[in-house]
Amino acid sequence: MPESKGRDKKAAAYSQPRTSKSVEPNPTWWAPVFITLLVVGLLWIVVYYVTEYRYPVGSLGAWNLGVGFVLLLSGFIMTMRWR
């Protein structure tokens, strides 16, 4: 029965090729902006409920919830891109 040649002892182990895509850090304003968006969105919704639906913008009515959730969502989306 023939014998297998086996592996070359000098061959290097497999290493994953390096990607040329460089990951740059976020600008310095990134974290304060997303934290501000999260806090303002939360406060918008809380103020809407605490003032019995009169504030922050009375003419918007129930759309105040939409504004608050959009602010929260945009802040949350920014957190996912934070490095």
PDB file of N, CA and C in Angstrom:
ATOM      1  N   MET A   1       0.838  -1.150   0.000  1.00  0.00           N
ATOM      2  CA  MET A   1       0.000   0.000   0.000  1.00  0.00           C
ATOM      3  C   MET A   1       0.909   1.246   0.000  1.00  0.00           C
ATOM      4  N   PRO A   2       0.582   2.243  -0.849  1.00  0.00           N
ATOM      5  CA  PRO A   2       1.432   3.439  -0.918  1.00  0.00           C
ATOM      6  C   PRO A   2       1.264   4.322   0.324  1.00  0.00           C
ATOM      7  N   GLU A   3       2.345   4.970   0.729  1.00  0.00           N
ATOM      8  CA  GLU A   3       2.315   5.876   1.871  1.00  0.00           C
ATOM      9  C   GLU A   3       2.043   7.298   1.402  1.00  0.00           C
ATOM     10  N   SER A   4       1.305   8.046   2.225  1.00  0.00           N
ATOM     11  CA  SER A   4       1.067   9.445   1.868  1.00  0.00           C
ATOM     12  C   SER A   4       2.325  10.250   2.160  1.00  0.00           C
ATOM     13  N   LYS A   5       2.463  11.317   1.396  1.00  0.00           N
ATOM     14  CA  LYS A   5       3.660  12.142   1.553  1.00  0.00           C
ATOM     15  C   LYS A   5       3.600  12.995   2.818  1.00  0.00           C
ATOM     16  N   GLY A   6       2.401  13.294   3.301  1.00  0.00           N
ATOM     17  CA  GLY A   6       2.273  14.106   4.503  1.00  0.00           C
ATOM     18  C   GLY A   6       2.454  15.591   4.186  1.00  0.00           C
ATOM     19  N   ARG A   7       2.424  16.352   5.200  1.00  0.00           N
ATOM     20  CA  ARG A   7       2.573  17.796   5.028  1.00  0.00           C
ATOM     21  C   ARG A   7       4.024  18.203   5.117  1.00  0.00           C
ATOM     22  N   ASP A   8       4.290  19.304   4.456  1.00  0.00           N
ATOM     23  CA  ASP A   8       5.631  19.868   4.520  1.00  0.00           C
ATOM     24  C   ASP A   8       5.790  20.554   5.872  1.00  0.00           C
ATOM     25  N   LYS A   9       6.784  20.198   6.618  1.00  0.00           N
ATOM     26  CA  LYS A   9       6.982  20.746   7.954  1.00  0.00           C
ATOM     27  C   LYS A   9       7.337  22.233   7.911  1.00  0.00           C
ATOM     28  N   LYS A  10       7.866  22.698   6.808  1.00  0.00           N
ATOM     29  CA  LYS A  10       8.290  24.089   6.699  1.00  0.00           C
ATOM     30  C   LYS A  10       7.119  25.020   6.355  1.00  0.00           C
ATOM     31  N   ALA A  11       5.998  24.469   5.897  1.00  0.00           N
ATOM     32  CA  ALA A  11       4.864  25.306   5.488  1.00  0.00           C
ATOM     33  C   ALA A  11       4.245  25.977   6.711  1.00  0.00           C
ATOM     34  N   ALA A  12       3.943  27.246   6.579  1.00  0.00           N
ATOM     35  CA  ALA A  12       3.352  28.013   7.683  1.00  0.00           C
ATOM     36  C   ALA A  12       1.878  27.641   7.832  1.00  0.00           C
ATOM     37  N   ALA A  13       1.373  27.795   9.021  1.00  0.00           N
ATOM     38  CA  ALA A  13      -0.036  27.544   9.279  1.00  0.00           C
ATOM     39  C   ALA A  13      -0.862  28.590   8.542  1.00  0.00           C
ATOM     40  N   TYR A  14      -2.101  28.241   8.264  1.00  0.00           N
ATOM     41  CA  TYR A  14      -2.993  29.164   7.545  1.00  0.00           C
ATOM     42  C   TYR A  14      -3.256  30.395   8.396  1.00  0.00           C
ATOM     43  N   SER A  15      -3.117  31.529   7.795  1.00  0.00           N
ATOM     44  CA  SER A  15      -3.489  32.772   8.467  1.00  0.00           C
ATOM     45  C   SER A  15      -4.445  33.534   7.563  1.00  0.00           C
ATOM     46  N   GLN A  16      -5.420  34.134   8.182  1.00  0.00           N
ATOM     47  CA  GLN A  16      -6.440  34.846   7.432  1.00  0.00           C
ATOM     48  C   GLN A  16      -5.817  36.079   6.779  1.00  0.00           C
ATOM     49  N   PRO A  17      -6.162  36.316   5.493  1.00  0.00           N
ATOM     50  CA  PRO A  17      -5.580  37.487   4.822  1.00  0.00           C
ATOM     51  C   PRO A  17      -6.071  38.779   5.472  1.00  0.00           C
ATOM     52  N   ARG A  18      -5.202  39.760   5.513  1.00  0.00           N
ATOM     53  CA  ARG A  18      -5.555  41.041   6.114  1.00  0.00           C
ATOM     54  C   ARG A  18      -6.435  41.835   5.166  1.00  0.00           C
ATOM     55  N   THR A  19      -7.382  42.517   5.747  1.00  0.00           N
ATOM     56  CA  THR A  19      -8.249  43.364   4.941  1.00  0.00           C
ATOM     57  C   THR A  19      -7.631  44.748   4.844  1.00  0.00           C
ATOM     58  N   SER A  20      -7.864  45.392   3.732  1.00  0.00           N
ATOM     59  CA  SER A  20      -7.283  46.710   3.523  1.00  0.00           C
ATOM     60  C   SER A  20      -8.187  47.816   4.072  1.00  0.00           C
ATOM     61  N   LYS A  21      -9.376  47.439   4.551  1.00  0.00           N
ATOM     62  CA  LYS A  21     -10.308  48.433   5.067  1.00  0.00           C
ATOM     63  C   LYS A  21      -9.848  48.886   6.448  1.00  0.00           C
ATOM     64  N   SER A  22      -9.553  50.161   6.567  1.00  0.00           N
ATOM     65  CA  SER A  22      -9.115  50.681   7.854  1.00  0.00           C
ATOM     66  C   SER A  22     -10.320  51.230   8.607  1.00  0.00           C
ATOM     67  N   VAL A  23     -10.360  50.940   9.878  1.00  0.00           N
ATOM     68  CA  VAL A  23     -11.460  51.395  10.715  1.00  0.00           C
ATOM     69  C   VAL A  23     -10.990  52.633  11.467  1.00  0.00           C
ATOM     70  N   GLU A  24     -11.615  53.744  11.159  1.00  0.00           N
ATOM     71  CA  GLU A  24     -11.242  54.987  11.808  1.00  0.00           C
ATOM     72  C   GLU A  24     -12.172  55.249  12.982  1.00  0.00           C
ATOM     73  N   PRO A  25     -11.667  55.870  14.018  1.00  0.00           N
ATOM     74  CA  PRO A  25     -12.541  56.187  15.149  1.00  0.00           C
ATOM     75  C   PRO A  25     -13.534  57.291  14.776  1.00  0.00           C
ATOM     76  N   ASN A  26     -14.601  57.362  15.540  1.00  0.00           N
ATOM     77  CA  ASN A  26     -15.609  58.390  15.304  1.00  0.00           C
ATOM     78  C   ASN A  26     -15.070  59.763  15.677  1.00  0.00           C
ATOM     79  N   PRO A  27     -15.688  60.811  15.121  1.00  0.00           N
ATOM     80  CA  PRO A  27     -15.302  62.158  15.543  1.00  0.00           C
ATOM     81  C   PRO A  27     -15.649  62.391  17.016  1.00  0.00           C
ATOM     82  N   THR A  28     -15.066  63.420  17.589  1.00  0.00           N
ATOM     83  CA  THR A  28     -15.254  63.662  19.019  1.00  0.00           C
ATOM     84  C   THR A  28     -16.683  64.060  19.360  1.00  0.00           C
ATOM     85  N   TRP A  29     -17.447  64.566  18.401  1.00  0.00           N
ATOM     86  CA  TRP A  29     -18.818  64.995  18.670  1.00  0.00           C
ATOM     87  C   TRP A  29     -19.812  63.834  18.640  1.00  0.00           C
ATOM     88  N   TRP A  30     -19.395  62.656  18.219  1.00  0.00           N
ATOM     89  CA  TRP A  30     -20.314  61.534  18.001  1.00  0.00           C
ATOM     90  C   TRP A  30     -21.027  61.106  19.288  1.00  0.00           C
ATOM     91  N   ALA A  31     -20.256  60.816  20.329  1.00  0.00           N
ATOM     92  CA  ALA A  31     -20.854  60.322  21.580  1.00  0.00           C
ATOM     93  C   ALA A  31     -21.747  61.363  22.254  1.00  0.00           C
ATOM     94  N   PRO A  32     -21.330  62.617  22.355  1.00  0.00           N
ATOM     95  CA  PRO A  32     -22.254  63.588  22.970  1.00  0.00           C
ATOM     96  C   PRO A  32     -23.560  63.757  22.199  1.00  0.00           C
ATOM     97  N   VAL A  33     -23.515  63.648  20.879  1.00  0.00           N
ATOM     98  CA  VAL A  33     -24.736  63.816  20.090  1.00  0.00           C
ATOM     99  C   VAL A  33     -25.692  62.653  20.323  1.00  0.00           C
ATOM    100  N   PHE A  34     -25.197  61.424  20.305  1.00  0.00           N
ATOM    101  CA  PHE A  34     -26.142  60.316  20.473  1.00  0.00           C
ATOM    102  C   PHE A  34     -26.666  60.243  21.899  1.00  0.00           C
ATOM    103  N   ILE A  35     -25.864  60.615  22.878  1.00  0.00           N
ATOM    104  CA  ILE A  35     -26.368  60.641  24.249  1.00  0.00           C
ATOM    105  C   ILE A  35     -27.425  61.727  24.405  1.00  0.00           C
ATOM    106  N   THR A  36     -27.177  62.882  23.783  1.00  0.00           N
ATOM    107  CA  THR A  36     -28.155  63.966  23.824  1.00  0.00           C
ATOM    108  C   THR A  36     -29.457  63.563  23.155  1.00  0.00           C
ATOM    109  N   LEU A  37     -29.382  62.897  22.003  1.00  0.00           N
ATOM    110  CA  LEU A  37     -30.594  62.453  21.320  1.00  0.00           C
ATOM    111  C   LEU A  37     -31.393  61.474  22.173  1.00  0.00           C
ATOM    112  N   LEU A  38     -30.708  60.561  22.829  1.00  0.00           N
ATOM    113  CA  LEU A  38     -31.398  59.597  23.684  1.00  0.00           C
ATOM    114  C   LEU A  38     -32.085  60.289  24.856  1.00  0.00           C
ATOM    115  N   VAL A  39     -31.377  61.204  25.493  1.00  0.00           N
ATOM    116  CA  VAL A  39     -31.940  61.888  26.662  1.00  0.00           C
ATOM    117  C   VAL A  39     -33.098  62.797  26.258  1.00  0.00           C
ATOM    118  N   VAL A  40     -32.935  63.561  25.179  1.00  0.00           N
ATOM    119  CA  VAL A  40     -33.992  64.469  24.736  1.00  0.00           C
ATOM    120  C   VAL A  40     -35.231  63.682  24.299  1.00  0.00           C
ATOM    121  N   GLY A  41     -35.036  62.568  23.612  1.00  0.00           N
ATOM    122  CA  GLY A  41     -36.170  61.739  23.209  1.00  0.00           C
ATOM    123  C   GLY A  41     -36.924  61.197  24.398  1.00  0.00           C
ATOM    124  N   LEU A  42     -36.196  60.728  25.390  1.00  0.00           N
ATOM    125  CA  LEU A  42     -36.836  60.224  26.600  1.00  0.00           C
ATOM    126  C   LEU A  42     -37.577  61.336  27.332  1.00  0.00           C
ATOM    127  N   LEU A  43     -36.935  62.483  27.487  1.00  0.00           N
ATOM    128  CA  LEU A  43     -37.582  63.603  28.161  1.00  0.00           C
ATOM    129  C   LEU A  43     -38.814  64.091  27.405  1.00  0.00           C
ATOM    130  N   TRP A  44     -38.744  64.072  26.073  1.00  0.00           N
ATOM    131  CA  TRP A  44     -39.882  64.502  25.254  1.00  0.00           C
ATOM    132  C   TRP A  44     -41.118  63.652  25.568  1.00  0.00           C
ATOM    133  N   ILE A  45     -40.912  62.343  25.613  1.00  0.00           N
ATOM    134  CA  ILE A  45     -42.023  61.432  25.880  1.00  0.00           C
ATOM    135  C   ILE A  45     -42.518  61.579  27.321  1.00  0.00           C
ATOM    136  N   VAL A  46     -41.600  61.709  28.276  1.00  0.00           N
ATOM    137  CA  VAL A  46     -41.992  61.847  29.678  1.00  0.00           C
ATOM    138  C   VAL A  46     -42.770  63.141  29.893  1.00  0.00           C
ATOM    139  N   VAL A  47     -42.295  64.236  29.314  1.00  0.00           N
ATOM    140  CA  VAL A  47     -43.000  65.515  29.459  1.00  0.00           C
ATOM    141  C   VAL A  47     -44.381  65.426  28.827  1.00  0.00           C
ATOM    142  N   TYR A  48     -44.492  64.752  27.707  1.00  0.00           N
ATOM    143  CA  TYR A  48     -45.789  64.598  27.042  1.00  0.00           C
ATOM    144  C   TYR A  48     -46.790  63.886  27.957  1.00  0.00           C
ATOM    145  N   TYR A  49     -46.352  62.840  28.637  1.00  0.00           N
ATOM    146  CA  TYR A  49     -47.253  62.104  29.517  1.00  0.00           C
ATOM    147  C   TYR A  49     -47.518  62.848  30.826  1.00  0.00           C
ATOM    148  N   VAL A  50     -46.495  63.457  31.407  1.00  0.00           N
ATOM    149  CA  VAL A  50     -46.653  64.117  32.699  1.00  0.00           C
ATOM    150  C   VAL A  50     -47.557  65.348  32.602  1.00  0.00           C
ATOM    151  N   THR A  51     -47.476  66.071  31.496  1.00  0.00           N
ATOM    152  CA  THR A  51     -48.293  67.280  31.345  1.00  0.00           C
ATOM    153  C   THR A  51     -49.666  66.979  30.769  1.00  0.00           C
ATOM    154  N   GLU A  52     -50.041  65.742  30.773  1.00  0.00           N
ATOM    155  CA  GLU A  52     -51.348  65.299  30.280  1.00  0.00           C
ATOM    156  C   GLU A  52     -51.594  65.730  28.836  1.00  0.00           C
ATOM    157  N   TYR A  53     -50.615  65.458  28.000  1.00  0.00           N
ATOM    158  CA  TYR A  53     -50.715  65.592  26.541  1.00  0.00           C
ATOM    159  C   TYR A  53     -50.791  67.035  26.043  1.00  0.00           C
ATOM    160  N   ARG A  54     -50.354  68.020  26.849  1.00  0.00           N
ATOM    161  CA  ARG A  54     -50.387  69.415  26.415  1.00  0.00           C
ATOM    162  C   ARG A  54     -49.053  69.908  25.886  1.00  0.00           C
ATOM    163  N   TYR A  55     -47.951  69.415  26.431  1.00  0.00           N
ATOM    164  CA  TYR A  55     -46.620  69.855  26.023  1.00  0.00           C
ATOM    165  C   TYR A  55     -45.861  68.677  25.486  1.00  0.00           C
ATOM    166  N   PRO A  56     -44.764  68.766  24.853  1.00  0.00           N
ATOM    167  CA  PRO A  56     -43.916  69.879  24.450  1.00  0.00           C
ATOM    168  C   PRO A  56     -44.530  70.724  23.329  1.00  0.00           C
ATOM    169  N   VAL A  57     -45.235  70.136  22.383  1.00  0.00           N
ATOM    170  CA  VAL A  57     -45.884  70.910  21.315  1.00  0.00           C
ATOM    171  C   VAL A  57     -47.345  70.474  21.292  1.00  0.00           C
ATOM    172  N   GLY A  58     -48.209  71.336  21.818  1.00  0.00           N
ATOM    173  CA  GLY A  58     -49.615  70.975  21.957  1.00  0.00           C
ATOM    174  C   GLY A  58     -50.323  70.740  20.639  1.00  0.00           C
ATOM    175  N   SER A  59     -49.917  71.444  19.588  1.00  0.00           N
ATOM    176  CA  SER A  59     -50.606  71.304  18.302  1.00  0.00           C
ATOM    177  C   SER A  59     -50.304  69.981  17.611  1.00  0.00           C
ATOM    178  N   LEU A  60     -49.239  69.295  18.026  1.00  0.00           N
ATOM    179  CA  LEU A  60     -48.903  68.002  17.412  1.00  0.00           C
ATOM    180  C   LEU A  60     -49.789  66.879  17.928  1.00  0.00           C
ATOM    181  N   GLY A  61     -50.301  67.034  19.120  1.00  0.00           N
ATOM    182  CA  GLY A  61     -51.149  65.992  19.685  1.00  0.00           C
ATOM    183  C   GLY A  61     -50.366  64.714  19.934  1.00  0.00           C
ATOM    184  N   ALA A  62     -50.902  63.606  19.471  1.00  0.00           N
ATOM    185  CA  ALA A  62     -50.263  62.301  19.688  1.00  0.00           C
ATOM    186  C   ALA A  62     -48.970  62.136  18.889  1.00  0.00           C
ATOM    187  N   TRP A  63     -48.743  63.010  17.921  1.00  0.00           N
ATOM    188  CA  TRP A  63     -47.506  62.932  17.157  1.00  0.00           C
ATOM    189  C   TRP A  63     -46.286  63.291  18.004  1.00  0.00           C
ATOM    190  N   ASN A  64     -46.523  63.848  19.189  1.00  0.00           N
ATOM    191  CA  ASN A  64     -45.404  64.085  20.106  1.00  0.00           C
ATOM    192  C   ASN A  64     -44.704  62.773  20.459  1.00  0.00           C
ATOM    193  N   LEU A  65     -45.469  61.697  20.568  1.00  0.00           N
ATOM    194  CA  LEU A  65     -44.854  60.385  20.808  1.00  0.00           C
ATOM    195  C   LEU A  65     -43.962  59.986  19.645  1.00  0.00           C
ATOM    196  N   GLY A  66     -44.425  60.260  18.436  1.00  0.00           N
ATOM    197  CA  GLY A  66     -43.611  59.946  17.257  1.00  0.00           C
ATOM    198  C   GLY A  66     -42.312  60.718  17.247  1.00  0.00           C
ATOM    199  N   VAL A  67     -42.374  61.998  17.603  1.00  0.00           N
ATOM    200  CA  VAL A  67     -41.149  62.817  17.657  1.00  0.00           C
ATOM    201  C   VAL A  67     -40.189  62.254  18.698  1.00  0.00           C
ATOM    202  N   GLY A  68     -40.714  61.905  19.860  1.00  0.00           N
ATOM    203  CA  GLY A  68     -39.861  61.342  20.909  1.00  0.00           C
ATOM    204  C   GLY A  68     -39.223  60.029  20.494  1.00  0.00           C
ATOM    205  N   PHE A  69     -40.000  59.171  19.845  1.00  0.00           N
ATOM    206  CA  PHE A  69     -39.451  57.884  19.416  1.00  0.00           C
ATOM    207  C   PHE A  69     -38.450  58.037  18.277  1.00  0.00           C
ATOM    208  N   VAL A  70     -38.649  59.010  17.408  1.00  0.00           N
ATOM    209  CA  VAL A  70     -37.675  59.252  16.342  1.00  0.00           C
ATOM    210  C   VAL A  70     -36.357  59.728  16.941  1.00  0.00           C
ATOM    211  N   LEU A  71     -36.425  60.589  17.934  1.00  0.00           N
ATOM    212  CA  LEU A  71     -35.200  61.036  18.602  1.00  0.00           C
ATOM    213  C   LEU A  71     -34.493  59.863  19.284  1.00  0.00           C
ATOM    214  N   LEU A  72     -35.265  59.031  19.988  1.00  0.00           N
ATOM    215  CA  LEU A  72     -34.675  57.856  20.628  1.00  0.00           C
ATOM    216  C   LEU A  72     -34.062  56.899  19.612  1.00  0.00           C
ATOM    217  N   LEU A  73     -34.775  56.653  18.536  1.00  0.00           N
ATOM    218  CA  LEU A  73     -34.299  55.718  17.520  1.00  0.00           C
ATOM    219  C   LEU A  73     -33.048  56.225  16.830  1.00  0.00           C
ATOM    220  N   SER A  74     -33.006  57.512  16.525  1.00  0.00           N
ATOM    221  CA  SER A  74     -31.808  58.054  15.871  1.00  0.00           C
ATOM    222  C   SER A  74     -30.604  57.984  16.813  1.00  0.00           C
ATOM    223  N   GLY A  75     -30.804  58.233  18.105  1.00  0.00           N
ATOM    224  CA  GLY A  75     -29.713  58.080  19.060  1.00  0.00           C
ATOM    225  C   GLY A  75     -29.264  56.638  19.179  1.00  0.00           C
ATOM    226  N   PHE A  76     -30.214  55.715  19.172  1.00  0.00           N
ATOM    227  CA  PHE A  76     -29.863  54.298  19.254  1.00  0.00           C
ATOM    228  C   PHE A  76     -29.107  53.831  18.010  1.00  0.00           C
ATOM    229  N   ILE A  77     -29.511  54.297  16.843  1.00  0.00           N
ATOM    230  CA  ILE A  77     -28.808  53.938  15.607  1.00  0.00           C
ATOM    231  C   ILE A  77     -27.376  54.469  15.641  1.00  0.00           C
ATOM    232  N   MET A  78     -27.200  55.659  16.197  1.00  0.00           N
ATOM    233  CA  MET A  78     -25.838  56.193  16.311  1.00  0.00           C
ATOM    234  C   MET A  78     -24.971  55.365  17.247  1.00  0.00           C
ATOM    235  N   THR A  79     -25.573  54.755  18.269  1.00  0.00           N
ATOM    236  CA  THR A  79     -24.782  53.934  19.179  1.00  0.00           C
ATOM    237  C   THR A  79     -24.228  52.696  18.488  1.00  0.00           C
ATOM    238  N   MET A  80     -24.934  52.205  17.481  1.00  0.00           N
ATOM    239  CA  MET A  80     -24.463  51.006  16.791  1.00  0.00           C
ATOM    240  C   MET A  80     -23.264  51.298  15.892  1.00  0.00           C
ATOM    241  N   ARG A  81     -23.074  52.543  15.489  1.00  0.00           N
ATOM    242  CA  ARG A  81     -21.921  52.913  14.657  1.00  0.00           C
ATOM    243  C   ARG A  81     -20.754  53.463  15.465  1.00  0.00           C
ATOM    244  N   TRP A  82     -20.901  53.475  16.790  1.00  0.00           N
ATOM    245  CA  TRP A  82     -19.881  54.051  17.647  1.00  0.00           C
ATOM    246  C   TRP A  82     -18.690  53.103  17.760  1.00  0.00           C
ATOM    247  N   ARG A  83     -17.488  53.641  17.636  1.00  0.00           N
ATOM    248  CA  ARG A  83     -16.260  52.841  17.760  1.00  0.00           C
ATOM    249  C   ARG A  83     -15.419  53.396  18.869  1.00  0.00           C
TER     250      ARG A  83
END
